[in-house]
Amino acid sequence: MKNGDLALDTVVGWIILLVVAGVVIGLIFGFSDQIAEMLNINNEEKSHDTEYMTSASFSESQVKTYIEICWSKTGERFAKDFTCYTLDGDISTVNPATIAGTYDGYVVESSFDNTKGILIIRFEDIGNKIILTN
């Protein structure tokens, strides 16, 4: 074998190695979410805890904001039921009928009694629902 053939083989070998490395890195970046899910690396679950909120009173707009935040924490990507918030305070101004309904991608079911001083906001995976109960 001549020195020129050996140098050419080395260069071609390095080019093939770089192309293969590029393809592997591209696949890792392209499928990183699925790879993390398969490896059961779920940092979102570690950051999710039920939040206990206390206030003298909660308005309807505040409750709707908590519902939206709960949906943004969980949404279609969260595959289990989860209690987002427990609101402790006067909720007498909150009308369960006006909050219930279909929103963008999820349904809010409210079966709470607004004379009680507690409201639980939880996500239910089946049906992508936000449930409001006491």
C-alpha atoms as a PDB file:
ATOM      1  CA  MET A   1       0.000   0.000   0.000  1.00  0.00           C
ATOM      2  CA  LYS A   2       1.311   3.439  -0.829  1.00  0.00           C
ATOM      3  CA  ASN A   3       1.431   6.412   1.557  1.00  0.00           C
ATOM      4  CA  GLY A   4      -1.052   8.318  -0.619  1.00  0.00           C
ATOM      5  CA  ASP A   5      -3.638   5.533  -0.294  1.00  0.00           C
ATOM      6  CA  LEU A   6      -3.191   5.446   3.476  1.00  0.00           C
ATOM      7  CA  ALA A   7      -3.691   9.228   3.767  1.00  0.00           C
ATOM      8  CA  LEU A   8      -6.805   9.069   1.567  1.00  0.00           C
ATOM      9  CA  ASP A   9      -8.244   6.212   3.653  1.00  0.00           C
ATOM     10  CA  THR A  10      -7.643   8.213   6.826  1.00  0.00           C
ATOM     11  CA  VAL A  11      -9.363  11.328   5.445  1.00  0.00           C
ATOM     12  CA  VAL A  12     -12.365   9.317   4.195  1.00  0.00           C
ATOM     13  CA  GLY A  13     -12.572   7.545   7.571  1.00  0.00           C
ATOM     14  CA  TRP A  14     -12.658  10.876   9.426  1.00  0.00           C
ATOM     15  CA  ILE A  15     -15.323  12.277   7.092  1.00  0.00           C
ATOM     16  CA  ILE A  16     -17.524   9.205   7.627  1.00  0.00           C
ATOM     17  CA  LEU A  17     -17.010   9.467  11.388  1.00  0.00           C
ATOM     18  CA  LEU A  18     -18.002  13.169  11.395  1.00  0.00           C
ATOM     19  CA  VAL A  19     -21.119  12.509   9.293  1.00  0.00           C
ATOM     20  CA  VAL A  20     -22.214   9.684  11.603  1.00  0.00           C
ATOM     21  CA  ALA A  21     -21.582  11.867  14.684  1.00  0.00           C
ATOM     22  CA  GLY A  22     -23.614  14.700  13.122  1.00  0.00           C
ATOM     23  CA  VAL A  23     -26.531  12.400  12.373  1.00  0.00           C
ATOM     24  CA  VAL A  24     -26.503  10.946  15.913  1.00  0.00           C
ATOM     25  CA  ILE A  25     -26.376  14.420  17.508  1.00  0.00           C
ATOM     26  CA  GLY A  26     -29.215  15.575  15.232  1.00  0.00           C
ATOM     27  CA  LEU A  27     -31.350  12.600  16.256  1.00  0.00           C
ATOM     28  CA  ILE A  28     -30.672  13.232  19.930  1.00  0.00           C
ATOM     29  CA  PHE A  29     -31.729  16.880  19.639  1.00  0.00           C
ATOM     30  CA  GLY A  30     -34.725  16.019  17.457  1.00  0.00           C
ATOM     31  CA  PHE A  31     -36.081  13.379  19.801  1.00  0.00           C
ATOM     32  CA  SER A  32     -34.892  14.762  23.150  1.00  0.00           C
ATOM     33  CA  ASP A  33     -38.424  14.948  24.598  1.00  0.00           C
ATOM     34  CA  GLN A  34     -39.169  11.335  23.734  1.00  0.00           C
ATOM     35  CA  ILE A  35     -35.762  10.198  24.977  1.00  0.00           C
ATOM     36  CA  ALA A  36     -36.284  11.965  28.311  1.00  0.00           C
ATOM     37  CA  GLU A  37     -39.726  10.410  28.621  1.00  0.00           C
ATOM     38  CA  MET A  38     -38.358   6.931  27.873  1.00  0.00           C
ATOM     39  CA  LEU A  39     -35.619   7.419  30.453  1.00  0.00           C
ATOM     40  CA  ASN A  40     -38.285   8.614  32.920  1.00  0.00           C
ATOM     41  CA  ILE A  41     -36.529  11.920  33.422  1.00  0.00           C
ATOM     42  CA  ASN A  42     -39.422  14.191  34.239  1.00  0.00           C
ATOM     43  CA  ASN A  43     -38.301  17.426  35.843  1.00  0.00           C
ATOM     44  CA  GLU A  44     -41.828  18.866  35.630  1.00  0.00           C
ATOM     45  CA  GLU A  45     -43.169  16.397  38.181  1.00  0.00           C
ATOM     46  CA  LYS A  46     -40.462  17.400  40.641  1.00  0.00           C
ATOM     47  CA  SER A  47     -41.479  21.051  40.365  1.00  0.00           C
ATOM     48  CA  HIS A  48     -45.203  20.377  40.795  1.00  0.00           C
ATOM     49  CA  ASP A  49     -46.593  20.599  44.281  1.00  0.00           C
ATOM     50  CA  THR A  50     -50.081  21.519  45.362  1.00  0.00           C
ATOM     51  CA  GLU A  51     -50.041  25.182  46.295  1.00  0.00           C
ATOM     52  CA  TYR A  52     -52.041  26.330  49.300  1.00  0.00           C
ATOM     53  CA  MET A  53     -53.202  29.933  48.839  1.00  0.00           C
ATOM     54  CA  THR A  54     -54.727  31.936  51.693  1.00  0.00           C
ATOM     55  CA  SER A  55     -56.487  35.265  51.250  1.00  0.00           C
ATOM     56  CA  ALA A  56     -59.349  37.172  52.839  1.00  0.00           C
ATOM     57  CA  SER A  57     -61.315  36.664  49.616  1.00  0.00           C
ATOM     58  CA  PHE A  58     -60.890  35.473  46.043  1.00  0.00           C
ATOM     59  CA  SER A  59     -62.600  37.115  43.082  1.00  0.00           C
ATOM     60  CA  GLU A  60     -63.898  35.299  40.026  1.00  0.00           C
ATOM     61  CA  SER A  61     -61.068  36.692  37.893  1.00  0.00           C
ATOM     62  CA  GLN A  62     -58.492  35.420  40.396  1.00  0.00           C
ATOM     63  CA  VAL A  63     -60.046  31.950  40.306  1.00  0.00           C
ATOM     64  CA  LYS A  64     -59.973  32.012  36.488  1.00  0.00           C
ATOM     65  CA  THR A  65     -56.295  32.991  36.619  1.00  0.00           C
ATOM     66  CA  TYR A  66     -55.551  30.042  38.915  1.00  0.00           C
ATOM     67  CA  ILE A  67     -57.439  27.771  36.498  1.00  0.00           C
ATOM     68  CA  GLU A  68     -55.349  29.018  33.557  1.00  0.00           C
ATOM     69  CA  ILE A  69     -52.115  28.538  35.510  1.00  0.00           C
ATOM     70  CA  CYS A  70     -53.195  25.040  36.501  1.00  0.00           C
ATOM     71  CA  TRP A  71     -53.844  24.207  32.836  1.00  0.00           C
ATOM     72  CA  SER A  72     -50.486  25.650  31.783  1.00  0.00           C
ATOM     73  CA  LYS A  73     -48.728  23.508  34.432  1.00  0.00           C
ATOM     74  CA  THR A  74     -50.461  20.313  33.393  1.00  0.00           C
ATOM     75  CA  GLY A  75     -52.346  20.438  30.117  1.00  0.00           C
ATOM     76  CA  GLU A  76     -52.289  17.694  27.532  1.00  0.00           C
ATOM     77  CA  ARG A  77     -48.690  16.734  28.322  1.00  0.00           C
ATOM     78  CA  PHE A  78     -49.412  15.736  31.951  1.00  0.00           C
ATOM     79  CA  ALA A  79     -50.516  12.109  32.158  1.00  0.00           C
ATOM     80  CA  LYS A  80     -51.946  11.916  35.668  1.00  0.00           C
ATOM     81  CA  ASP A  81     -54.471  13.633  37.904  1.00  0.00           C
ATOM     82  CA  PHE A  82     -53.041  16.493  39.919  1.00  0.00           C
ATOM     83  CA  THR A  83     -54.315  18.984  42.499  1.00  0.00           C
ATOM     84  CA  CYS A  84     -52.916  22.393  41.531  1.00  0.00           C
ATOM     85  CA  TYR A  85     -54.336  24.756  44.144  1.00  0.00           C
ATOM     86  CA  THR A  86     -56.230  24.856  47.381  1.00  0.00           C
ATOM     87  CA  LEU A  87     -57.697  28.329  47.880  1.00  0.00           C
ATOM     88  CA  ASP A  88     -58.584  29.211  51.465  1.00  0.00           C
ATOM     89  CA  GLY A  89     -60.715  32.330  51.797  1.00  0.00           C
ATOM     90  CA  ASP A  90     -64.085  33.859  51.015  1.00  0.00           C
ATOM     91  CA  ILE A  91     -65.286  32.718  47.570  1.00  0.00           C
ATOM     92  CA  SER A  92     -68.892  33.911  47.896  1.00  0.00           C
ATOM     93  CA  THR A  93     -68.540  36.292  44.907  1.00  0.00           C
ATOM     94  CA  VAL A  94     -67.477  33.430  42.627  1.00  0.00           C
ATOM     95  CA  ASN A  95     -70.361  31.982  40.621  1.00  0.00           C
ATOM     96  CA  PRO A  96     -69.747  28.287  39.807  1.00  0.00           C
ATOM     97  CA  ALA A  97     -72.040  28.444  36.777  1.00  0.00           C
ATOM     98  CA  THR A  98     -70.150  31.245  35.022  1.00  0.00           C
ATOM     99  CA  ILE A  99     -66.748  29.580  35.450  1.00  0.00           C
ATOM    100  CA  ALA A 100     -67.851  26.189  34.147  1.00  0.00           C
ATOM    101  CA  GLY A 101     -67.523  25.602  30.430  1.00  0.00           C
ATOM    102  CA  THR A 102     -65.248  24.728  27.566  1.00  0.00           C
ATOM    103  CA  TYR A 103     -62.071  26.715  27.166  1.00  0.00           C
ATOM    104  CA  ASP A 104     -59.231  26.464  24.661  1.00  0.00           C
ATOM    105  CA  GLY A 105     -58.308  22.762  24.877  1.00  0.00           C
ATOM    106  CA  TYR A 106     -59.883  21.921  28.217  1.00  0.00           C
ATOM    107  CA  VAL A 107     -63.155  21.771  30.124  1.00  0.00           C
ATOM    108  CA  VAL A 108     -63.842  23.358  33.507  1.00  0.00           C
ATOM    109  CA  GLU A 109     -66.329  21.515  35.706  1.00  0.00           C
ATOM    110  CA  SER A 110     -67.384  23.377  38.819  1.00  0.00           C
ATOM    111  CA  SER A 111     -69.411  21.654  41.467  1.00  0.00           C
ATOM    112  CA  PHE A 112     -68.336  23.705  44.442  1.00  0.00           C
ATOM    113  CA  ASP A 113     -70.366  25.492  47.069  1.00  0.00           C
ATOM    114  CA  ASN A 114     -69.344  29.155  47.173  1.00  0.00           C
ATOM    115  CA  THR A 115     -70.551  29.525  50.760  1.00  0.00           C
ATOM    116  CA  LYS A 116     -67.703  27.331  51.968  1.00  0.00           C
ATOM    117  CA  GLY A 117     -64.338  28.929  52.523  1.00  0.00           C
ATOM    118  CA  ILE A 118     -62.248  26.517  50.505  1.00  0.00           C
ATOM    119  CA  LEU A 119     -61.870  25.797  46.791  1.00  0.00           C
ATOM    120  CA  ILE A 120     -59.798  22.989  45.305  1.00  0.00           C
ATOM    121  CA  ILE A 121     -58.588  23.342  41.717  1.00  0.00           C
ATOM    122  CA  ARG A 122     -57.370  20.083  40.219  1.00  0.00           C
ATOM    123  CA  PHE A 123     -56.474  18.690  36.818  1.00  0.00           C
ATOM    124  CA  GLU A 124     -58.036  15.421  35.677  1.00  0.00           C
ATOM    125  CA  ASP A 125     -56.160  13.666  32.879  1.00  0.00           C
ATOM    126  CA  ILE A 126     -59.126  11.833  31.390  1.00  0.00           C
ATOM    127  CA  GLY A 127     -61.006  14.388  29.330  1.00  0.00           C
ATOM    128  CA  ASN A 128     -58.478  17.186  29.979  1.00  0.00           C
ATOM    129  CA  LYS A 129     -60.611  18.719  32.708  1.00  0.00           C
ATOM    130  CA  ILE A 130     -60.037  21.249  35.426  1.00  0.00           C
ATOM    131  CA  ILE A 131     -62.300  20.308  38.326  1.00  0.00           C
ATOM    132  CA  LEU A 132     -63.389  22.842  40.954  1.00  0.00           C
ATOM    133  CA  THR A 133     -64.620  21.308  44.220  1.00  0.00           C
ATOM    134  CA  ASN A 134     -64.694  22.024  47.963  1.00  0.00           C
END
